């Protein structure tokens, strides 16, 4: 029996990460531009975001000004509840 890797990642604590990257291009240094990026990542260290930002710094000419991060766990304890009763209907 195989376990879905997305489900396994959620159980390990991965959640939906949205990052807004504000950056400046060399040809328009006074203009602040925005790039949105989403992935599943593990808070609080964010290894996927760290890899992406390392790639950005190495490969993209736009100098990063700021990064805003929003993270939501996909499975939270509040989503699991025990049933208090049972209703039987005909």
Protein backbone atom coordinates (compact mmCIF):
# COMPACT_ATOMS: atom_id res chain seq x y z
CA UNK A 1 0.00 0.00 0.00
CA UNK A 2 1.39 3.40 -1.00
CA UNK A 3 0.79 6.64 0.85
CA UNK A 4 0.07 9.79 -1.16
CA UNK A 5 3.17 11.99 -0.83
CA UNK A 6 1.08 15.19 -0.58
CA UNK A 7 -0.91 13.73 2.32
CA UNK A 8 2.28 12.54 4.01
CA UNK A 9 3.79 16.03 3.68
CA UNK A 10 0.69 17.56 5.29
CA UNK A 11 0.96 15.16 8.21
CA UNK A 12 4.60 16.18 8.63
CA UNK A 13 3.53 19.82 9.03
CA UNK A 14 3.87 21.20 5.53
CA UNK A 15 1.43 23.96 4.66
CA UNK A 16 0.57 26.36 1.89
CA UNK A 17 3.16 29.12 1.59
CA UNK A 18 2.51 32.33 -0.33
CA UNK A 19 5.49 34.64 -0.76
CA UNK A 20 5.36 38.14 -2.22
CA UNK A 21 8.80 39.11 -3.44
CA UNK A 22 9.41 42.82 -3.98
CA UNK A 23 12.37 43.45 -6.26
CA UNK A 24 14.11 46.05 -8.43
CA UNK A 25 15.38 45.47 -11.96
CA UNK A 26 18.76 47.02 -12.89
CA UNK A 27 17.31 49.01 -15.82
CA UNK A 28 14.59 50.60 -13.59
CA UNK A 29 16.11 50.82 -10.08
CA UNK A 30 13.46 53.27 -8.77
CA UNK A 31 10.57 51.00 -9.74
CA UNK A 32 9.58 48.38 -7.16
CA UNK A 33 8.04 45.28 -8.76
CA UNK A 34 6.14 42.38 -7.20
CA UNK A 35 6.24 38.62 -7.81
CA UNK A 36 3.89 36.13 -6.08
CA UNK A 37 5.00 32.54 -5.53
CA UNK A 38 3.16 29.61 -3.90
CA UNK A 39 4.29 26.17 -2.81
CA UNK A 40 3.97 23.76 0.09
CA UNK A 41 6.61 24.41 2.71
CA UNK A 42 7.54 23.55 6.28
CA UNK A 43 7.34 26.37 8.84
CA UNK A 44 9.27 27.95 10.50
CA UNK A 45 12.47 27.21 8.55
CA UNK A 46 10.85 27.26 5.05
CA UNK A 47 13.39 25.10 3.16
CA UNK A 48 11.55 25.42 -0.19
CA UNK A 49 11.41 29.22 0.06
CA UNK A 50 15.09 29.34 1.01
CA UNK A 51 15.98 27.22 -2.05
CA UNK A 52 13.88 29.45 -4.30
CA UNK A 53 15.41 32.67 -2.97
CA UNK A 54 18.91 31.22 -3.37
CA UNK A 55 18.04 30.39 -7.00
CA UNK A 56 16.65 33.93 -7.47
CA UNK A 57 19.81 35.58 -6.14
CA UNK A 58 22.00 33.37 -8.37
CA UNK A 59 20.00 33.41 -11.63
CA UNK A 60 17.75 36.49 -11.77
CA UNK A 61 19.03 40.04 -12.21
CA UNK A 62 16.27 41.60 -10.10
CA UNK A 63 17.65 42.57 -6.69
CA UNK A 64 15.31 41.52 -3.87
CA UNK A 65 14.04 44.42 -1.76
CA UNK A 66 11.70 42.52 0.60
CA UNK A 67 9.87 39.21 1.01
CA UNK A 68 6.47 38.91 2.72
CA UNK A 69 5.38 35.42 3.74
CA UNK A 70 1.98 33.95 4.58
CA UNK A 71 1.76 30.32 5.72
CA UNK A 72 -1.29 28.18 6.49
CA UNK A 73 -1.12 24.65 7.83
CA UNK A 74 -3.24 22.44 5.64
CA UNK A 75 -4.20 20.05 8.43
CA UNK A 76 -4.84 21.52 11.85
CA UNK A 77 -5.97 19.87 15.10
CA UNK A 78 -9.32 21.72 14.90
CA UNK A 79 -10.18 19.74 11.77
CA UNK A 80 -10.31 16.48 13.70
CA UNK A 81 -13.26 15.95 16.03
CA UNK A 82 -14.70 12.95 17.79
CA UNK A 83 -18.40 12.30 17.28
CA UNK A 84 -20.53 12.81 20.38
CA UNK A 85 -23.46 10.76 19.17
CA UNK A 86 -24.98 8.82 16.37
CA UNK A 87 -28.24 9.44 14.50
CA UNK A 88 -29.87 6.47 12.78
CA UNK A 89 -32.36 7.29 10.06
CA UNK A 90 -34.49 4.91 8.04
